[in-house]
């Protein structure tokens, strides 16, 4: 079926998840713990983060969850913590995380736009962080639509934010592809009546994603040939 629009997840899709977020999370845990090793371990367990290997565990809610989910996880290890204040701190810190592009994004997005595609980003991160990251990569202006879980459309796996992209771009959802690295992304795409493509630049493995995807690729770079075909 013809593809008129591509809607991308951000972390693990446009940006390699481990290379971008593992070192950042380790640093945030140390900051929250303020030199207390036992507290650092408690925070890491709450986040499902392995301090020894410096990596998120596959089951971590933070991988596909919202900034609020991350704040609540941290707060569970900090009795009396203000969740709203933690959420604000995480949002601002995340906006400055080191970014590792899954592929050189500028040329990749230009190629897709050259085919007449409408392009969007829907992330369970905040819209503030999404725009900061896309701006840092020099590609924010290449997207017609950028939304976070806090943009008023809901969060994945709810299909509503995906359908908002299709509606704002005047596209048939069946001719839109949701591209992501988690089952949240793909389930949302299926619920929205969209085509779905999984990429392996996140934490999830192919056998976890394949049941929900029309195609599974090592990274988004393989999309260019796929949408033409």
C-alpha atoms as a PDB file:
ATOM      1  CA  UNK A   1       0.000   0.000   0.000  1.00  0.00           C
ATOM      2  CA  UNK A   2       1.195   3.522  -0.781  1.00  0.00           C
ATOM      3  CA  UNK A   3       2.817   5.431   2.090  1.00  0.00           C
ATOM      4  CA  UNK A   4       2.001   9.139   2.462  1.00  0.00           C
ATOM      5  CA  UNK A   5       3.256   9.752   5.988  1.00  0.00           C
ATOM      6  CA  UNK A   6       5.834   8.454   8.446  1.00  0.00           C
ATOM      7  CA  UNK A   7       5.447   8.939  12.178  1.00  0.00           C
ATOM      8  CA  UNK A   8       8.569   8.191  14.213  1.00  0.00           C
ATOM      9  CA  UNK A   9       9.155   7.407  17.835  1.00  0.00           C
ATOM     10  CA  UNK A  10      12.189   9.331  19.124  1.00  0.00           C
ATOM     11  CA  UNK A  11      14.335   7.370  21.573  1.00  0.00           C
ATOM     12  CA  UNK A  12      15.486   4.029  20.220  1.00  0.00           C
ATOM     13  CA  UNK A  13      14.247   4.989  16.758  1.00  0.00           C
ATOM     14  CA  UNK A  14      15.652   8.316  15.574  1.00  0.00           C
ATOM     15  CA  UNK A  15      18.323   8.084  18.281  1.00  0.00           C
ATOM     16  CA  UNK A  16      20.076   4.923  19.433  1.00  0.00           C
ATOM     17  CA  UNK A  17      18.626   4.216  22.866  1.00  0.00           C
ATOM     18  CA  UNK A  18      21.572   2.658  24.680  1.00  0.00           C
ATOM     19  CA  UNK A  19      24.199   5.002  23.279  1.00  0.00           C
ATOM     20  CA  UNK A  20      22.080   8.033  24.199  1.00  0.00           C
ATOM     21  CA  UNK A  21      20.405   7.155  27.496  1.00  0.00           C
ATOM     22  CA  UNK A  22      22.470   4.610  29.414  1.00  0.00           C
ATOM     23  CA  UNK A  23      25.315   6.940  30.417  1.00  0.00           C
ATOM     24  CA  UNK A  24      22.857   9.796  31.032  1.00  0.00           C
ATOM     25  CA  UNK A  25      20.756   7.651  33.384  1.00  0.00           C
ATOM     26  CA  UNK A  26      23.798   6.485  35.310  1.00  0.00           C
ATOM     27  CA  UNK A  27      24.809  10.096  35.828  1.00  0.00           C
ATOM     28  CA  UNK A  28      21.318  11.098  36.979  1.00  0.00           C
ATOM     29  CA  UNK A  29      21.220   8.240  39.498  1.00  0.00           C
ATOM     30  CA  UNK A  30      24.546   9.376  40.963  1.00  0.00           C
ATOM     31  CA  UNK A  31      23.269  12.960  41.131  1.00  0.00           C
ATOM     32  CA  UNK A  32      20.082  11.906  42.932  1.00  0.00           C
ATOM     33  CA  UNK A  33      22.048   9.710  45.359  1.00  0.00           C
ATOM     34  CA  UNK A  34      24.587  12.455  46.149  1.00  0.00           C
ATOM     35  CA  UNK A  35      27.356  10.038  47.073  1.00  0.00           C
ATOM     36  CA  UNK A  36      25.166   7.504  48.922  1.00  0.00           C
ATOM     37  CA  UNK A  37      25.914   4.152  47.242  1.00  0.00           C
ATOM     38  CA  UNK A  38      23.031   2.351  48.940  1.00  0.00           C
ATOM     39  CA  UNK A  39      20.588   5.028  47.789  1.00  0.00           C
ATOM     40  CA  UNK A  40      22.006   4.836  44.256  1.00  0.00           C
ATOM     41  CA  UNK A  41      21.272   1.101  44.253  1.00  0.00           C
ATOM     42  CA  UNK A  42      17.695   1.702  45.421  1.00  0.00           C
ATOM     43  CA  UNK A  43      17.081   4.314  42.728  1.00  0.00           C
ATOM     44  CA  UNK A  44      18.617   2.055  40.082  1.00  0.00           C
ATOM     45  CA  UNK A  45      16.379  -0.839  41.134  1.00  0.00           C
ATOM     46  CA  UNK A  46      13.318   1.412  40.967  1.00  0.00           C
ATOM     47  CA  UNK A  47      14.319   2.423  37.434  1.00  0.00           C
ATOM     48  CA  UNK A  48      15.270  -1.142  36.410  1.00  0.00           C
ATOM     49  CA  UNK A  49      18.776   0.084  35.658  1.00  0.00           C
ATOM     50  CA  UNK A  50      21.831  -2.124  36.142  1.00  0.00           C
ATOM     51  CA  UNK A  51      24.560   0.008  37.689  1.00  0.00           C
ATOM     52  CA  UNK A  52      27.193  -2.690  37.144  1.00  0.00           C
ATOM     53  CA  UNK A  53      26.726  -2.784  33.374  1.00  0.00           C
ATOM     54  CA  UNK A  54      25.511   0.805  33.099  1.00  0.00           C
ATOM     55  CA  UNK A  55      22.396  -0.122  31.127  1.00  0.00           C
ATOM     56  CA  UNK A  56      18.632  -0.230  31.417  1.00  0.00           C
ATOM     57  CA  UNK A  57      17.085  -3.656  31.884  1.00  0.00           C
ATOM     58  CA  UNK A  58      14.656  -4.659  29.102  1.00  0.00           C
ATOM     59  CA  UNK A  59      11.634  -4.503  31.418  1.00  0.00           C
ATOM     60  CA  UNK A  60      12.258  -0.924  32.556  1.00  0.00           C
ATOM     61  CA  UNK A  61       9.132   1.198  32.343  1.00  0.00           C
ATOM     62  CA  UNK A  62      11.359   4.135  31.463  1.00  0.00           C
ATOM     63  CA  UNK A  63      12.233   2.690  28.044  1.00  0.00           C
ATOM     64  CA  UNK A  64       8.773   3.259  26.582  1.00  0.00           C
ATOM     65  CA  UNK A  65       7.134   5.181  29.421  1.00  0.00           C
ATOM     66  CA  UNK A  66       6.539   8.864  29.980  1.00  0.00           C
ATOM     67  CA  UNK A  67       8.620  11.414  31.872  1.00  0.00           C
ATOM     68  CA  UNK A  68       5.998  11.147  34.624  1.00  0.00           C
ATOM     69  CA  UNK A  69       6.582   7.385  34.832  1.00  0.00           C
ATOM     70  CA  UNK A  70      10.316   8.040  35.243  1.00  0.00           C
ATOM     71  CA  UNK A  71       9.702  10.626  37.963  1.00  0.00           C
ATOM     72  CA  UNK A  72       7.398   8.272  39.858  1.00  0.00           C
ATOM     73  CA  UNK A  73       9.999   5.495  39.650  1.00  0.00           C
ATOM     74  CA  UNK A  74      12.704   7.739  41.099  1.00  0.00           C
ATOM     75  CA  UNK A  75      10.314   9.080  43.760  1.00  0.00           C
ATOM     76  CA  UNK A  76       9.520   5.544  44.933  1.00  0.00           C
ATOM     77  CA  UNK A  77      13.141   5.289  46.129  1.00  0.00           C
ATOM     78  CA  UNK A  78      13.139   8.772  47.707  1.00  0.00           C
ATOM     79  CA  UNK A  79      10.536   8.897  50.491  1.00  0.00           C
ATOM     80  CA  UNK A  80       8.831  12.269  50.638  1.00  0.00           C
ATOM     81  CA  UNK A  81      10.085  13.324  47.228  1.00  0.00           C
ATOM     82  CA  UNK A  82       8.018  15.797  45.208  1.00  0.00           C
ATOM     83  CA  UNK A  83       7.074  13.919  42.031  1.00  0.00           C
ATOM     84  CA  UNK A  84       6.240  17.109  40.136  1.00  0.00           C
ATOM     85  CA  UNK A  85       9.620  18.615  41.007  1.00  0.00           C
ATOM     86  CA  UNK A  86      11.399  15.415  39.963  1.00  0.00           C
ATOM     87  CA  UNK A  87       9.449  15.409  36.719  1.00  0.00           C
ATOM     88  CA  UNK A  88      10.580  18.967  35.974  1.00  0.00           C
ATOM     89  CA  UNK A  89      14.200  18.135  36.866  1.00  0.00           C
ATOM     90  CA  UNK A  90      14.219  15.056  34.654  1.00  0.00           C
ATOM     91  CA  UNK A  91      12.612  16.923  31.763  1.00  0.00           C
ATOM     92  CA  UNK A  92      15.257  19.647  31.810  1.00  0.00           C
ATOM     93  CA  UNK A  93      18.122  17.206  32.286  1.00  0.00           C
ATOM     94  CA  UNK A  94      16.845  14.955  29.489  1.00  0.00           C
ATOM     95  CA  UNK A  95      16.808  17.885  27.095  1.00  0.00           C
ATOM     96  CA  UNK A  96      20.598  18.063  27.389  1.00  0.00           C
ATOM     97  CA  UNK A  97      21.289  14.308  27.042  1.00  0.00           C
ATOM     98  CA  UNK A  98      24.054  13.356  24.572  1.00  0.00           C
ATOM     99  CA  UNK A  99      22.453  12.307  21.294  1.00  0.00           C
ATOM    100  CA  UNK A 100      23.582   9.459  19.065  1.00  0.00           C
ATOM    101  CA  UNK A 101      21.658   9.413  15.775  1.00  0.00           C
ATOM    102  CA  UNK A 102      20.573   5.996  14.566  1.00  0.00           C
ATOM    103  CA  UNK A 103      21.577   7.122  11.048  1.00  0.00           C
ATOM    104  CA  UNK A 104      22.631  10.585   9.764  1.00  0.00           C
ATOM    105  CA  UNK A 105      19.215  12.139  10.172  1.00  0.00           C
ATOM    106  CA  UNK A 106      19.461  15.208   7.944  1.00  0.00           C
ATOM    107  CA  UNK A 107      20.108  13.359   4.691  1.00  0.00           C
ATOM    108  CA  UNK A 108      17.742  10.533   5.626  1.00  0.00           C
ATOM    109  CA  UNK A 109      14.809  12.878   6.293  1.00  0.00           C
ATOM    110  CA  UNK A 110      15.525  14.941   3.190  1.00  0.00           C
ATOM    111  CA  UNK A 111      15.289  11.791   1.079  1.00  0.00           C
ATOM    112  CA  UNK A 112      11.904  10.895   2.572  1.00  0.00           C
ATOM    113  CA  UNK A 113      10.566  14.416   2.165  1.00  0.00           C
ATOM    114  CA  UNK A 114      11.724  14.282  -1.449  1.00  0.00           C
ATOM    115  CA  UNK A 115       9.248  11.443  -2.000  1.00  0.00           C
ATOM    116  CA  UNK A 116       6.447  13.736  -0.827  1.00  0.00           C
ATOM    117  CA  UNK A 117       6.151  12.165   2.636  1.00  0.00           C
ATOM    118  CA  UNK A 118       4.705  14.036   5.589  1.00  0.00           C
ATOM    119  CA  UNK A 119       6.928  13.418   8.604  1.00  0.00           C
ATOM    120  CA  UNK A 120       6.158  13.425  12.312  1.00  0.00           C
ATOM    121  CA  UNK A 121       7.509  12.484  15.719  1.00  0.00           C
ATOM    122  CA  UNK A 122       5.391  11.119  18.550  1.00  0.00           C
ATOM    123  CA  UNK A 123       7.284  10.315  21.733  1.00  0.00           C
ATOM    124  CA  UNK A 124       6.313   9.400  25.264  1.00  0.00           C
ATOM    125  CA  UNK A 125       8.984  11.883  26.332  1.00  0.00           C
ATOM    126  CA  UNK A 126       7.949  15.517  26.816  1.00  0.00           C
ATOM    127  CA  UNK A 127       7.430  17.747  23.789  1.00  0.00           C
ATOM    128  CA  UNK A 128       9.990  20.122  25.350  1.00  0.00           C
ATOM    129  CA  UNK A 129      12.687  17.427  25.316  1.00  0.00           C
ATOM    130  CA  UNK A 130      11.655  16.199  21.871  1.00  0.00           C
ATOM    131  CA  UNK A 131      12.032  19.635  20.323  1.00  0.00           C
ATOM    132  CA  UNK A 132      15.306  20.183  22.166  1.00  0.00           C
ATOM    133  CA  UNK A 133      16.744  16.895  20.881  1.00  0.00           C
ATOM    134  CA  UNK A 134      15.552  17.386  17.319  1.00  0.00           C
ATOM    135  CA  UNK A 135      16.850  20.935  17.402  1.00  0.00           C
ATOM    136  CA  UNK A 136      20.246  19.798  18.679  1.00  0.00           C
ATOM    137  CA  UNK A 137      20.385  17.307  15.800  1.00  0.00           C
ATOM    138  CA  UNK A 138      19.472  20.114  13.390  1.00  0.00           C
ATOM    139  CA  UNK A 139      16.329  18.410  12.095  1.00  0.00           C
ATOM    140  CA  UNK A 140      13.379  19.834  14.023  1.00  0.00           C
ATOM    141  CA  UNK A 141      12.283  21.921  11.033  1.00  0.00           C
ATOM    142  CA  UNK A 142      12.167  18.805   8.852  1.00  0.00           C
ATOM    143  CA  UNK A 143       9.133  17.477  10.751  1.00  0.00           C
ATOM    144  CA  UNK A 144       5.569  18.575  10.119  1.00  0.00           C
ATOM    145  CA  UNK A 145       4.399  17.362  13.542  1.00  0.00           C
ATOM    146  CA  UNK A 146       6.155  16.933  16.891  1.00  0.00           C
ATOM    147  CA  UNK A 147       4.263  15.694  19.949  1.00  0.00           C
ATOM    148  CA  UNK A 148       5.077  14.353  23.387  1.00  0.00           C
ATOM    149  CA  UNK A 149       2.925  12.632  25.969  1.00  0.00           C
ATOM    150  CA  UNK A 150       2.121  16.092  27.348  1.00  0.00           C
ATOM    151  CA  UNK A 151       0.995  17.679  24.057  1.00  0.00           C
ATOM    152  CA  UNK A 152      -2.690  17.039  24.680  1.00  0.00           C
ATOM    153  CA  UNK A 153      -3.188  13.959  22.505  1.00  0.00           C
ATOM    154  CA  UNK A 154      -2.336  11.211  25.013  1.00  0.00           C
ATOM    155  CA  UNK A 155       0.529   8.715  25.181  1.00  0.00           C
ATOM    156  CA  UNK A 156       1.319   5.463  23.384  1.00  0.00           C
ATOM    157  CA  UNK A 157       0.016   2.748  23.264  1.00  0.00           C
ATOM    158  CA  UNK A 158      -3.141   4.865  22.975  1.00  0.00           C
ATOM    159  CA  UNK A 159      -3.672   5.498  19.254  1.00  0.00           C
ATOM    160  CA  UNK A 160      -5.001   9.045  19.766  1.00  0.00           C
ATOM    161  CA  UNK A 161      -1.698  10.907  19.257  1.00  0.00           C
ATOM    162  CA  UNK A 162      -1.030   8.907  16.099  1.00  0.00           C
ATOM    163  CA  UNK A 163      -4.465   9.726  14.760  1.00  0.00           C
ATOM    164  CA  UNK A 164      -3.843  13.394  15.591  1.00  0.00           C
ATOM    165  CA  UNK A 165      -0.876  13.314  13.199  1.00  0.00           C
ATOM    166  CA  UNK A 166      -2.984  11.741  10.443  1.00  0.00           C
ATOM    167  CA  UNK A 167      -5.785  14.236  11.037  1.00  0.00           C
ATOM    168  CA  UNK A 168      -3.531  17.300  11.056  1.00  0.00           C
ATOM    169  CA  UNK A 169      -1.756  16.124   7.892  1.00  0.00           C
ATOM    170  CA  UNK A 170      -5.088  15.160   6.224  1.00  0.00           C
ATOM    171  CA  UNK A 171      -3.827  11.602   5.683  1.00  0.00           C
ATOM    172  CA  UNK A 172      -5.615   8.267   5.604  1.00  0.00           C
ATOM    173  CA  UNK A 173      -4.228   6.373   8.649  1.00  0.00           C
ATOM    174  CA  UNK A 174      -3.914   3.261   6.491  1.00  0.00           C
ATOM    175  CA  UNK A 175      -1.324   5.135   4.404  1.00  0.00           C
ATOM    176  CA  UNK A 176       0.726   6.206   7.419  1.00  0.00           C
ATOM    177  CA  UNK A 177       3.549   4.140   8.933  1.00  0.00           C
ATOM    178  CA  UNK A 178       4.273   4.170  12.652  1.00  0.00           C
ATOM    179  CA  UNK A 179       7.995   3.489  13.153  1.00  0.00           C
ATOM    180  CA  UNK A 180       9.267   2.493  16.571  1.00  0.00           C
ATOM    181  CA  UNK A 181      11.448   0.310  18.716  1.00  0.00           C
ATOM    182  CA  UNK A 182       8.919  -0.857  21.333  1.00  0.00           C
ATOM    183  CA  UNK A 183       5.652  -2.736  21.476  1.00  0.00           C
ATOM    184  CA  UNK A 184       4.043   0.500  22.761  1.00  0.00           C
ATOM    185  CA  UNK A 185       4.836   2.113  19.397  1.00  0.00           C
ATOM    186  CA  UNK A 186       3.645  -0.806  17.321  1.00  0.00           C
ATOM    187  CA  UNK A 187       0.491  -1.558  19.300  1.00  0.00           C
ATOM    188  CA  UNK A 188      -0.470   2.111  19.041  1.00  0.00           C
ATOM    189  CA  UNK A 189       0.097   1.931  15.287  1.00  0.00           C
ATOM    190  CA  UNK A 190      -2.066  -1.161  14.886  1.00  0.00           C
ATOM    191  CA  UNK A 191      -4.833   0.383  16.992  1.00  0.00           C
ATOM    192  CA  UNK A 192      -4.711   3.486  14.787  1.00  0.00           C
ATOM    193  CA  UNK A 193      -5.102   1.370  11.651  1.00  0.00           C
ATOM    194  CA  UNK A 194      -1.614   2.278  10.441  1.00  0.00           C
ATOM    195  CA  UNK A 195       1.179   0.241   8.959  1.00  0.00           C
ATOM    196  CA  UNK A 196       3.937  -0.545  11.453  1.00  0.00           C
ATOM    197  CA  UNK A 197       7.707  -0.883  11.168  1.00  0.00           C
ATOM    198  CA  UNK A 198       9.985  -1.959  14.014  1.00  0.00           C
ATOM    199  CA  UNK A 199      13.653  -1.041  14.362  1.00  0.00           C
ATOM    200  CA  UNK A 200      16.295  -2.683  16.532  1.00  0.00           C
ATOM    201  CA  UNK A 201      18.086   0.437  17.797  1.00  0.00           C
ATOM    202  CA  UNK A 202      16.245   0.229  21.099  1.00  0.00           C
ATOM    203  CA  UNK A 203      16.269  -2.462  23.772  1.00  0.00           C
ATOM    204  CA  UNK A 204      13.586  -4.865  22.487  1.00  0.00           C
ATOM    205  CA  UNK A 205      14.614  -7.853  20.384  1.00  0.00           C
ATOM    206  CA  UNK A 206      13.231  -8.866  16.995  1.00  0.00           C
ATOM    207  CA  UNK A 207      11.165 -11.790  18.299  1.00  0.00           C
ATOM    208  CA  UNK A 208       9.361  -9.427  20.705  1.00  0.00           C
ATOM    209  CA  UNK A 209       8.551  -6.838  18.046  1.00  0.00           C
ATOM    210  CA  UNK A 210       7.901  -8.956  14.954  1.00  0.00           C
ATOM    211  CA  UNK A 211       4.326 -10.030  15.885  1.00  0.00           C
ATOM    212  CA  UNK A 212       3.240  -6.383  15.828  1.00  0.00           C
ATOM    213  CA  UNK A 213       5.216  -5.197  12.798  1.00  0.00           C
ATOM    214  CA  UNK A 214       4.784  -5.343   9.035  1.00  0.00           C
ATOM    215  CA  UNK A 215       8.585  -5.217   8.784  1.00  0.00           C
ATOM    216  CA  UNK A 216      11.551  -5.264  11.180  1.00  0.00           C
ATOM    217  CA  UNK A 217      14.797  -3.477  10.254  1.00  0.00           C
ATOM    218  CA  UNK A 218      18.153  -3.003  11.979  1.00  0.00           C
ATOM    219  CA  UNK A 219      17.610   0.774  11.842  1.00  0.00           C
ATOM    220  CA  UNK A 220      15.510   3.446  10.156  1.00  0.00           C
ATOM    221  CA  UNK A 221      17.935   3.743   7.239  1.00  0.00           C
ATOM    222  CA  UNK A 222      16.279   0.726   5.642  1.00  0.00           C
ATOM    223  CA  UNK A 223      12.969   2.602   5.378  1.00  0.00           C
ATOM    224  CA  UNK A 224      13.987   4.585   2.317  1.00  0.00           C
ATOM    225  CA  UNK A 225      13.962   1.576   0.018  1.00  0.00           C
ATOM    226  CA  UNK A 226      10.972   0.001   1.791  1.00  0.00           C
ATOM    227  CA  UNK A 227       8.593   2.944   1.296  1.00  0.00           C
ATOM    228  CA  UNK A 228       9.570   3.154  -2.361  1.00  0.00           C
ATOM    229  CA  UNK A 229       8.783  -0.523  -2.821  1.00  0.00           C
END
